[in-house]
Amino acid sequence: MTIIKNEKINEHLKGLEGWELRDKEIHKNFKRKDFIDSIGFVSRIALLAERADHHPDILVQYNKVDITLSTHSEGGVTEKDIKLAGEIEEVK
């Protein structure tokens, strides 16, 4: 898997509301109802990530869930990250 150039990443992110490029990662902050809702949301993301064998960095702060994606083995954003971000957008 190869790194995507920033211009191409930004094109992809236009279709993923709230996602932004930060250095060599893509990031989004999700606001949930409360802590339990946040944990449920993370659990659903974990199932997607495990199925994809691609694991995001996740930070939970009560009702806020920060998701950061990059392909560490490649040193930046790849198609795997864009695909998983799109799948995360479908999680309710």
PDB file of N, CA and C in Angstrom:
ATOM      1  N   MET A   1       0.854  -1.172   0.000  1.00  0.00           N
ATOM      2  CA  MET A   1       0.000   0.000   0.000  1.00  0.00           C
ATOM      3  C   MET A   1       0.898   1.233   0.000  1.00  0.00           C
ATOM      4  N   THR A   2       0.586   2.203  -0.824  1.00  0.00           N
ATOM      5  CA  THR A   2       1.428   3.401  -0.912  1.00  0.00           C
ATOM      6  C   THR A   2       0.714   4.624  -0.341  1.00  0.00           C
ATOM      7  N   ILE A   3       1.509   5.557   0.104  1.00  0.00           N
ATOM      8  CA  ILE A   3       1.000   6.808   0.663  1.00  0.00           C
ATOM      9  C   ILE A   3       0.316   7.620  -0.434  1.00  0.00           C
ATOM     10  N   ILE A   4      -0.778   8.266  -0.063  1.00  0.00           N
ATOM     11  CA  ILE A   4      -1.502   9.150  -0.977  1.00  0.00           C
ATOM     12  C   ILE A   4      -0.969  10.569  -0.781  1.00  0.00           C
ATOM     13  N   LYS A   5      -0.819  11.292  -1.869  1.00  0.00           N
ATOM     14  CA  LYS A   5      -0.369  12.688  -1.771  1.00  0.00           C
ATOM     15  C   LYS A   5      -1.465  13.553  -1.145  1.00  0.00           C
ATOM     16  N   ASN A   6      -1.037  14.628  -0.471  1.00  0.00           N
ATOM     17  CA  ASN A   6      -1.963  15.503   0.252  1.00  0.00           C
ATOM     18  C   ASN A   6      -3.103  16.011  -0.621  1.00  0.00           C
ATOM     19  N   GLU A   7      -2.816  16.356  -1.856  1.00  0.00           N
ATOM     20  CA  GLU A   7      -3.857  16.865  -2.757  1.00  0.00           C
ATOM     21  C   GLU A   7      -4.960  15.824  -2.940  1.00  0.00           C
ATOM     22  N   LYS A   8      -4.586  14.584  -3.135  1.00  0.00           N
ATOM     23  CA  LYS A   8      -5.541  13.490  -3.325  1.00  0.00           C
ATOM     24  C   LYS A   8      -6.294  13.202  -2.029  1.00  0.00           C
ATOM     25  N   ILE A   9      -5.592  13.264  -0.901  1.00  0.00           N
ATOM     26  CA  ILE A   9      -6.242  13.054   0.402  1.00  0.00           C
ATOM     27  C   ILE A   9      -7.338  14.094   0.582  1.00  0.00           C
ATOM     28  N   ASN A  10      -7.006  15.355   0.316  1.00  0.00           N
ATOM     29  CA  ASN A  10      -7.992  16.424   0.478  1.00  0.00           C
ATOM     30  C   ASN A  10      -9.188  16.241  -0.441  1.00  0.00           C
ATOM     31  N   GLU A  11      -8.989  15.706  -1.621  1.00  0.00           N
ATOM     32  CA  GLU A  11     -10.104  15.401  -2.526  1.00  0.00           C
ATOM     33  C   GLU A  11     -11.020  14.368  -1.885  1.00  0.00           C
ATOM     34  N   HIS A  12     -10.425  13.306  -1.346  1.00  0.00           N
ATOM     35  CA  HIS A  12     -11.206  12.259  -0.682  1.00  0.00           C
ATOM     36  C   HIS A  12     -11.972  12.826   0.513  1.00  0.00           C
ATOM     37  N   LEU A  13     -11.328  13.692   1.270  1.00  0.00           N
ATOM     38  CA  LEU A  13     -11.936  14.210   2.492  1.00  0.00           C
ATOM     39  C   LEU A  13     -13.127  15.119   2.222  1.00  0.00           C
ATOM     40  N   LYS A  14     -13.225  15.673   1.024  1.00  0.00           N
ATOM     41  CA  LYS A  14     -14.393  16.490   0.671  1.00  0.00           C
ATOM     42  C   LYS A  14     -15.674  15.680   0.805  1.00  0.00           C
ATOM     43  N   GLY A  15     -15.588  14.377   0.588  1.00  0.00           N
ATOM     44  CA  GLY A  15     -16.748  13.503   0.710  1.00  0.00           C
ATOM     45  C   GLY A  15     -16.934  12.914   2.096  1.00  0.00           C
ATOM     46  N   LEU A  16     -16.077  13.287   3.031  1.00  0.00           N
ATOM     47  CA  LEU A  16     -16.145  12.778   4.399  1.00  0.00           C
ATOM     48  C   LEU A  16     -16.232  13.964   5.360  1.00  0.00           C
ATOM     49  N   GLU A  17     -17.437  14.371   5.655  1.00  0.00           N
ATOM     50  CA  GLU A  17     -17.663  15.581   6.451  1.00  0.00           C
ATOM     51  C   GLU A  17     -16.961  15.530   7.811  1.00  0.00           C
ATOM     52  N   GLY A  18     -16.219  16.582   8.099  1.00  0.00           N
ATOM     53  CA  GLY A  18     -15.576  16.727   9.398  1.00  0.00           C
ATOM     54  C   GLY A  18     -14.176  16.133   9.501  1.00  0.00           C
ATOM     55  N   TRP A  19     -13.787  15.331   8.529  1.00  0.00           N
ATOM     56  CA  TRP A  19     -12.439  14.752   8.547  1.00  0.00           C
ATOM     57  C   TRP A  19     -11.453  15.786   8.036  1.00  0.00           C
ATOM     58  N   GLU A  20     -10.268  15.818   8.636  1.00  0.00           N
ATOM     59  CA  GLU A  20      -9.242  16.758   8.196  1.00  0.00           C
ATOM     60  C   GLU A  20      -7.877  16.098   8.191  1.00  0.00           C
ATOM     61  N   LEU A  21      -7.033  16.605   7.342  1.00  0.00           N
ATOM     62  CA  LEU A  21      -5.654  16.145   7.258  1.00  0.00           C
ATOM     63  C   LEU A  21      -4.829  16.907   8.275  1.00  0.00           C
ATOM     64  N   ARG A  22      -4.113  16.173   9.103  1.00  0.00           N
ATOM     65  CA  ARG A  22      -3.203  16.753  10.097  1.00  0.00           C
ATOM     66  C   ARG A  22      -1.862  16.058   9.933  1.00  0.00           C
ATOM     67  N   ASP A  23      -0.923  16.766   9.360  1.00  0.00           N
ATOM     68  CA  ASP A  23       0.406  16.219   9.126  1.00  0.00           C
ATOM     69  C   ASP A  23       0.288  14.966   8.266  1.00  0.00           C
ATOM     70  N   LYS A  24       0.549  13.794   8.804  1.00  0.00           N
ATOM     71  CA  LYS A  24       0.520  12.549   8.023  1.00  0.00           C
ATOM     72  C   LYS A  24      -0.612  11.635   8.475  1.00  0.00           C
ATOM     73  N   GLU A  25      -1.709  12.260   8.958  1.00  0.00           N
ATOM     74  CA  GLU A  25      -2.853  11.503   9.471  1.00  0.00           C
ATOM     75  C   GLU A  25      -4.147  12.209   9.080  1.00  0.00           C
ATOM     76  N   ILE A  26      -5.248  11.447   9.100  1.00  0.00           N
ATOM     77  CA  ILE A  26      -6.553  12.082   8.985  1.00  0.00           C
ATOM     78  C   ILE A  26      -7.258  11.924  10.329  1.00  0.00           C
ATOM     79  N   HIS A  27      -8.068  12.918  10.663  1.00  0.00           N
ATOM     80  CA  HIS A  27      -8.614  13.011  12.012  1.00  0.00           C
ATOM     81  C   HIS A  27     -10.048  13.539  11.972  1.00  0.00           C
ATOM     82  N   LYS A  28     -10.854  13.029  12.920  1.00  0.00           N
ATOM     83  CA  LYS A  28     -12.193  13.596  13.124  1.00  0.00           C
ATOM     84  C   LYS A  28     -12.561  13.447  14.584  1.00  0.00           C
ATOM     85  N   ASN A  29     -13.258  14.466  15.103  1.00  0.00           N
ATOM     86  CA  ASN A  29     -13.800  14.438  16.449  1.00  0.00           C
ATOM     87  C   ASN A  29     -15.305  14.205  16.337  1.00  0.00           C
ATOM     88  N   PHE A  30     -15.775  13.170  17.008  1.00  0.00           N
ATOM     89  CA  PHE A  30     -17.201  12.861  17.040  1.00  0.00           C
ATOM     90  C   PHE A  30     -17.755  13.246  18.400  1.00  0.00           C
ATOM     91  N   LYS A  31     -18.909  13.866  18.405  1.00  0.00           N
ATOM     92  CA  LYS A  31     -19.576  14.197  19.667  1.00  0.00           C
ATOM     93  C   LYS A  31     -20.743  13.235  19.835  1.00  0.00           C
ATOM     94  N   ARG A  32     -20.767  12.539  20.968  1.00  0.00           N
ATOM     95  CA  ARG A  32     -21.792  11.553  21.248  1.00  0.00           C
ATOM     96  C   ARG A  32     -22.679  12.039  22.397  1.00  0.00           C
ATOM     97  N   LYS A  33     -23.726  11.280  22.693  1.00  0.00           N
ATOM     98  CA  LYS A  33     -24.692  11.672  23.720  1.00  0.00           C
ATOM     99  C   LYS A  33     -24.063  11.710  25.119  1.00  0.00           C
ATOM    100  N   ASP A  34     -23.329  10.662  25.457  1.00  0.00           N
ATOM    101  CA  ASP A  34     -22.713  10.556  26.781  1.00  0.00           C
ATOM    102  C   ASP A  34     -21.603   9.504  26.722  1.00  0.00           C
ATOM    103  N   PHE A  35     -21.038   9.175  27.862  1.00  0.00           N
ATOM    104  CA  PHE A  35     -19.915   8.237  27.906  1.00  0.00           C
ATOM    105  C   PHE A  35     -20.299   6.854  27.385  1.00  0.00           C
ATOM    106  N   ILE A  36     -21.434   6.333  27.814  1.00  0.00           N
ATOM    107  CA  ILE A  36     -21.862   4.998  27.383  1.00  0.00           C
ATOM    108  C   ILE A  36     -22.066   4.968  25.872  1.00  0.00           C
ATOM    109  N   ASP A  37     -22.647   6.001  25.315  1.00  0.00           N
ATOM    110  CA  ASP A  37     -22.830   6.086  23.865  1.00  0.00           C
ATOM    111  C   ASP A  37     -21.471   6.127  23.164  1.00  0.00           C
ATOM    112  N   SER A  38     -20.524   6.846  23.744  1.00  0.00           N
ATOM    113  CA  SER A  38     -19.166   6.908  23.179  1.00  0.00           C
ATOM    114  C   SER A  38     -18.524   5.530  23.137  1.00  0.00           C
ATOM    115  N   ILE A  39     -18.648   4.785  24.226  1.00  0.00           N
ATOM    116  CA  ILE A  39     -18.037   3.462  24.300  1.00  0.00           C
ATOM    117  C   ILE A  39     -18.706   2.499  23.318  1.00  0.00           C
ATOM    118  N   GLY A  40     -20.017   2.578  23.176  1.00  0.00           N
ATOM    119  CA  GLY A  40     -20.713   1.751  22.197  1.00  0.00           C
ATOM    120  C   GLY A  40     -20.255   2.059  20.786  1.00  0.00           C
ATOM    121  N   PHE A  41     -20.099   3.346  20.494  1.00  0.00           N
ATOM    122  CA  PHE A  41     -19.622   3.804  19.193  1.00  0.00           C
ATOM    123  C   PHE A  41     -18.224   3.246  18.919  1.00  0.00           C
ATOM    124  N   VAL A  42     -17.353   3.334  19.898  1.00  0.00           N
ATOM    125  CA  VAL A  42     -15.989   2.813  19.758  1.00  0.00           C
ATOM    126  C   VAL A  42     -16.015   1.302  19.541  1.00  0.00           C
ATOM    127  N   SER A  43     -16.880   0.607  20.230  1.00  0.00           N
ATOM    128  CA  SER A  43     -16.985  -0.849  20.052  1.00  0.00           C
ATOM    129  C   SER A  43     -17.379  -1.204  18.622  1.00  0.00           C
ATOM    130  N   ARG A  44     -18.308  -0.456  18.046  1.00  0.00           N
ATOM    131  CA  ARG A  44     -18.722  -0.714  16.664  1.00  0.00           C
ATOM    132  C   ARG A  44     -17.578  -0.405  15.691  1.00  0.00           C
ATOM    133  N   ILE A  45     -16.820   0.649  15.967  1.00  0.00           N
ATOM    134  CA  ILE A  45     -15.655   0.976  15.138  1.00  0.00           C
ATOM    135  C   ILE A  45     -14.597  -0.120  15.264  1.00  0.00           C
ATOM    136  N   ALA A  46     -14.419  -0.630  16.476  1.00  0.00           N
ATOM    137  CA  ALA A  46     -13.427  -1.686  16.704  1.00  0.00           C
ATOM    138  C   ALA A  46     -13.716  -2.919  15.857  1.00  0.00           C
ATOM    139  N   LEU A  47     -14.981  -3.270  15.706  1.00  0.00           N
ATOM    140  CA  LEU A  47     -15.345  -4.418  14.875  1.00  0.00           C
ATOM    141  C   LEU A  47     -14.974  -4.177  13.416  1.00  0.00           C
ATOM    142  N   LEU A  48     -15.255  -2.973  12.923  1.00  0.00           N
ATOM    143  CA  LEU A  48     -14.863  -2.615  11.550  1.00  0.00           C
ATOM    144  C   LEU A  48     -13.348  -2.683  11.380  1.00  0.00           C
ATOM    145  N   ALA A  49     -12.660  -2.095  12.328  1.00  0.00           N
ATOM    146  CA  ALA A  49     -11.193  -2.022  12.252  1.00  0.00           C
ATOM    147  C   ALA A  49     -10.574  -3.417  12.279  1.00  0.00           C
ATOM    148  N   GLU A  50     -11.091  -4.268  13.131  1.00  0.00           N
ATOM    149  CA  GLU A  50     -10.547  -5.620  13.227  1.00  0.00           C
ATOM    150  C   GLU A  50     -10.793  -6.380  11.926  1.00  0.00           C
ATOM    151  N   ARG A  51     -11.986  -6.237  11.366  1.00  0.00           N
ATOM    152  CA  ARG A  51     -12.309  -6.886  10.096  1.00  0.00           C
ATOM    153  C   ARG A  51     -11.378  -6.413   8.984  1.00  0.00           C
ATOM    154  N   ALA A  52     -11.024  -5.126   9.011  1.00  0.00           N
ATOM    155  CA  ALA A  52     -10.144  -4.539   7.997  1.00  0.00           C
ATOM    156  C   ALA A  52      -8.668  -4.773   8.316  1.00  0.00           C
ATOM    157  N   ASP A  53      -8.386  -5.284   9.507  1.00  0.00           N
ATOM    158  CA  ASP A  53      -7.011  -5.429   9.987  1.00  0.00           C
ATOM    159  C   ASP A  53      -6.269  -4.098   9.876  1.00  0.00           C
ATOM    160  N   HIS A  54      -6.973  -3.042  10.300  1.00  0.00           N
ATOM    161  CA  HIS A  54      -6.428  -1.681  10.230  1.00  0.00           C
ATOM    162  C   HIS A  54      -6.997  -0.920  11.419  1.00  0.00           C
ATOM    163  N   HIS A  55      -6.157  -0.514  12.336  1.00  0.00           N
ATOM    164  CA  HIS A  55      -6.615  -0.041  13.634  1.00  0.00           C
ATOM    165  C   HIS A  55      -6.329   1.446  13.857  1.00  0.00           C
ATOM    166  N   PRO A  56      -7.387   2.237  14.066  1.00  0.00           N
ATOM    167  CA  PRO A  56      -7.207   3.673  14.300  1.00  0.00           C
ATOM    168  C   PRO A  56      -6.721   3.957  15.718  1.00  0.00           C
ATOM    169  N   ASP A  57      -6.218   5.155  15.914  1.00  0.00           N
ATOM    170  CA  ASP A  57      -5.954   5.652  17.256  1.00  0.00           C
ATOM    171  C   ASP A  57      -7.259   6.278  17.724  1.00  0.00           C
ATOM    172  N   ILE A  58      -7.686   5.918  18.920  1.00  0.00           N
ATOM    173  CA  ILE A  58      -8.975   6.375  19.441  1.00  0.00           C
ATOM    174  C   ILE A  58      -8.770   6.965  20.828  1.00  0.00           C
ATOM    175  N   LEU A  59      -9.317   8.156  21.033  1.00  0.00           N
ATOM    176  CA  LEU A  59      -9.282   8.809  22.341  1.00  0.00           C
ATOM    177  C   LEU A  59     -10.723   9.112  22.743  1.00  0.00           C
ATOM    178  N   VAL A  60     -11.124   8.633  23.914  1.00  0.00           N
ATOM    179  CA  VAL A  60     -12.469   8.886  24.422  1.00  0.00           C
ATOM    180  C   VAL A  60     -12.353   9.845  25.603  1.00  0.00           C
ATOM    181  N   GLN A  61     -13.110  10.931  25.519  1.00  0.00           N
ATOM    182  CA  GLN A  61     -13.197  11.891  26.612  1.00  0.00           C
ATOM    183  C   GLN A  61     -14.682  12.158  26.855  1.00  0.00           C
ATOM    184  N   TYR A  62     -15.262  11.366  27.730  1.00  0.00           N
ATOM    185  CA  TYR A  62     -16.676  11.376  28.076  1.00  0.00           C
ATOM    186  C   TYR A  62     -17.555  11.250  26.835  1.00  0.00           C
ATOM    187  N   ASN A  63     -18.029  12.353  26.256  1.00  0.00           N
ATOM    188  CA  ASN A  63     -18.914  12.255  25.089  1.00  0.00           C
ATOM    189  C   ASN A  63     -18.200  12.643  23.789  1.00  0.00           C
ATOM    190  N   LYS A  64     -16.895  12.747  23.841  1.00  0.00           N
ATOM    191  CA  LYS A  64     -16.108  13.071  22.646  1.00  0.00           C
ATOM    192  C   LYS A  64     -15.236  11.868  22.295  1.00  0.00           C
ATOM    193  N   VAL A  65     -15.231  11.546  20.998  1.00  0.00           N
ATOM    194  CA  VAL A  65     -14.401  10.445  20.507  1.00  0.00           C
ATOM    195  C   VAL A  65     -13.558  10.990  19.366  1.00  0.00           C
ATOM    196  N   ASP A  66     -12.253  11.009  19.565  1.00  0.00           N
ATOM    197  CA  ASP A  66     -11.319  11.442  18.531  1.00  0.00           C
ATOM    198  C   ASP A  66     -10.785  10.212  17.817  1.00  0.00           C
ATOM    199  N   ILE A  67     -10.903  10.218  16.490  1.00  0.00           N
ATOM    200  CA  ILE A  67     -10.401   9.119  15.672  1.00  0.00           C
ATOM    201  C   ILE A  67      -9.283   9.663  14.792  1.00  0.00           C
ATOM    202  N   THR A  68      -8.149   8.998  14.809  1.00  0.00           N
ATOM    203  CA  THR A  68      -7.015   9.353  13.962  1.00  0.00           C
ATOM    204  C   THR A  68      -6.603   8.123  13.171  1.00  0.00           C
ATOM    205  N   LEU A  69      -6.463   8.315  11.865  1.00  0.00           N
ATOM    206  CA  LEU A  69      -6.092   7.221  10.971  1.00  0.00           C
ATOM    207  C   LEU A  69      -4.832   7.543  10.195  1.00  0.00           C
ATOM    208  N   SER A  70      -3.941   6.588  10.144  1.00  0.00           N
ATOM    209  CA  SER A  70      -2.794   6.622   9.243  1.00  0.00           C
ATOM    210  C   SER A  70      -2.280   5.188   9.163  1.00  0.00           C
ATOM    211  N   THR A  71      -1.536   4.918   8.129  1.00  0.00           N
ATOM    212  CA  THR A  71      -0.944   3.597   7.987  1.00  0.00           C
ATOM    213  C   THR A  71       0.486   3.709   8.487  1.00  0.00           C
ATOM    214  N   HIS A  72       0.688   3.339   9.738  1.00  0.00           N
ATOM    215  CA  HIS A  72       1.979   3.533  10.394  1.00  0.00           C
ATOM    216  C   HIS A  72       3.121   2.854   9.634  1.00  0.00           C
ATOM    217  N   SER A  73       2.854   1.675   9.095  1.00  0.00           N
ATOM    218  CA  SER A  73       3.912   0.947   8.381  1.00  0.00           C
ATOM    219  C   SER A  73       4.361   1.665   7.113  1.00  0.00           C
ATOM    220  N   GLU A  74       3.501   2.534   6.575  1.00  0.00           N
ATOM    221  CA  GLU A  74       3.839   3.299   5.362  1.00  0.00           C
ATOM    222  C   GLU A  74       4.265   4.728   5.680  1.00  0.00           C
ATOM    223  N   GLY A  75       3.977   5.185   6.896  1.00  0.00           N
ATOM    224  CA  GLY A  75       4.373   6.531   7.293  1.00  0.00           C
ATOM    225  C   GLY A  75       3.452   7.626   6.809  1.00  0.00           C
ATOM    226  N   GLY A  76       2.168   7.295   6.602  1.00  0.00           N
ATOM    227  CA  GLY A  76       1.225   8.320   6.163  1.00  0.00           C
ATOM    228  C   GLY A  76      -0.126   7.722   5.828  1.00  0.00           C
ATOM    229  N   VAL A  77      -0.919   8.499   5.102  1.00  0.00           N
ATOM    230  CA  VAL A  77      -2.283   8.121   4.753  1.00  0.00           C
ATOM    231  C   VAL A  77      -2.283   7.295   3.469  1.00  0.00           C
ATOM    232  N   THR A  78      -3.011   6.170   3.530  1.00  0.00           N
ATOM    233  CA  THR A  78      -3.165   5.308   2.359  1.00  0.00           C
ATOM    234  C   THR A  78      -4.652   5.120   2.071  1.00  0.00           C
ATOM    235  N   GLU A  79      -4.949   4.398   1.015  1.00  0.00           N
ATOM    236  CA  GLU A  79      -6.340   4.098   0.665  1.00  0.00           C
ATOM    237  C   GLU A  79      -7.048   3.366   1.807  1.00  0.00           C
ATOM    238  N   LYS A  80      -6.309   2.569   2.583  1.00  0.00           N
ATOM    239  CA  LYS A  80      -6.902   1.870   3.728  1.00  0.00           C
ATOM    240  C   LYS A  80      -7.514   2.848   4.725  1.00  0.00           C
ATOM    241  N   ASP A  81      -6.833   3.965   4.932  1.00  0.00           N
ATOM    242  CA  ASP A  81      -7.324   4.967   5.883  1.00  0.00           C
ATOM    243  C   ASP A  81      -8.589   5.643   5.363  1.00  0.00           C
ATOM    244  N   ILE A  82      -8.582   5.984   4.101  1.00  0.00           N
ATOM    245  CA  ILE A  82      -9.750   6.632   3.488  1.00  0.00           C
ATOM    246  C   ILE A  82     -10.946   5.688   3.532  1.00  0.00           C
ATOM    247  N   LYS A  83     -10.713   4.434   3.213  1.00  0.00           N
ATOM    248  CA  LYS A  83     -11.790   3.444   3.215  1.00  0.00           C
ATOM    249  C   LYS A  83     -12.364   3.268   4.616  1.00  0.00           C
ATOM    250  N   LEU A  84     -11.503   3.128   5.618  1.00  0.00           N
ATOM    251  CA  LEU A  84     -11.986   2.949   6.989  1.00  0.00           C
ATOM    252  C   LEU A  84     -12.713   4.197   7.481  1.00  0.00           C
ATOM    253  N   ALA A  85     -12.235   5.376   7.128  1.00  0.00           N
ATOM    254  CA  ALA A  85     -12.936   6.615   7.502  1.00  0.00           C
ATOM    255  C   ALA A  85     -14.346   6.608   6.936  1.00  0.00           C
ATOM    256  N   GLY A  86     -14.500   6.191   5.694  1.00  0.00           N
ATOM    257  CA  GLY A  86     -15.824   6.115   5.087  1.00  0.00           C
ATOM    258  C   GLY A  86     -16.719   5.122   5.815  1.00  0.00           C
ATOM    259  N   GLU A  87     -16.166   3.997   6.220  1.00  0.00           N
ATOM    260  CA  GLU A  87     -16.942   2.998   6.960  1.00  0.00           C
ATOM    261  C   GLU A  87     -17.321   3.514   8.340  1.00  0.00           C
ATOM    262  N   ILE A  88     -16.414   4.246   8.973  1.00  0.00           N
ATOM    263  CA  ILE A  88     -16.714   4.834  10.295  1.00  0.00           C
ATOM    264  C   ILE A  88     -17.864   5.826  10.177  1.00  0.00           C
ATOM    265  N   GLU A  89     -17.931   6.552   9.081  1.00  0.00           N
ATOM    266  CA  GLU A  89     -19.026   7.500   8.871  1.00  0.00           C
ATOM    267  C   GLU A  89     -20.391   6.828   8.854  1.00  0.00           C
ATOM    268  N   GLU A  90     -20.429   5.557   8.519  1.00  0.00           N
ATOM    269  CA  GLU A  90     -21.694   4.813   8.468  1.00  0.00           C
ATOM    270  C   GLU A  90     -22.126   4.280   9.836  1.00  0.00           C
ATOM    271  N   VAL A  91     -21.226   4.321  10.824  1.00  0.00           N
ATOM    272  CA  VAL A  91     -21.535   3.815  12.162  1.00  0.00           C
ATOM    273  C   VAL A  91     -22.460   4.804  12.862  1.00  0.00           C
ATOM    274  N   LYS A  92     -23.513   4.295  13.426  1.00  0.00           N
ATOM    275  CA  LYS A  92     -24.484   5.156  14.126  1.00  0.00           C
ATOM    276  C   LYS A  92     -24.315   5.046  15.631  1.00  0.00           C
TER     277      LYS A  92
END
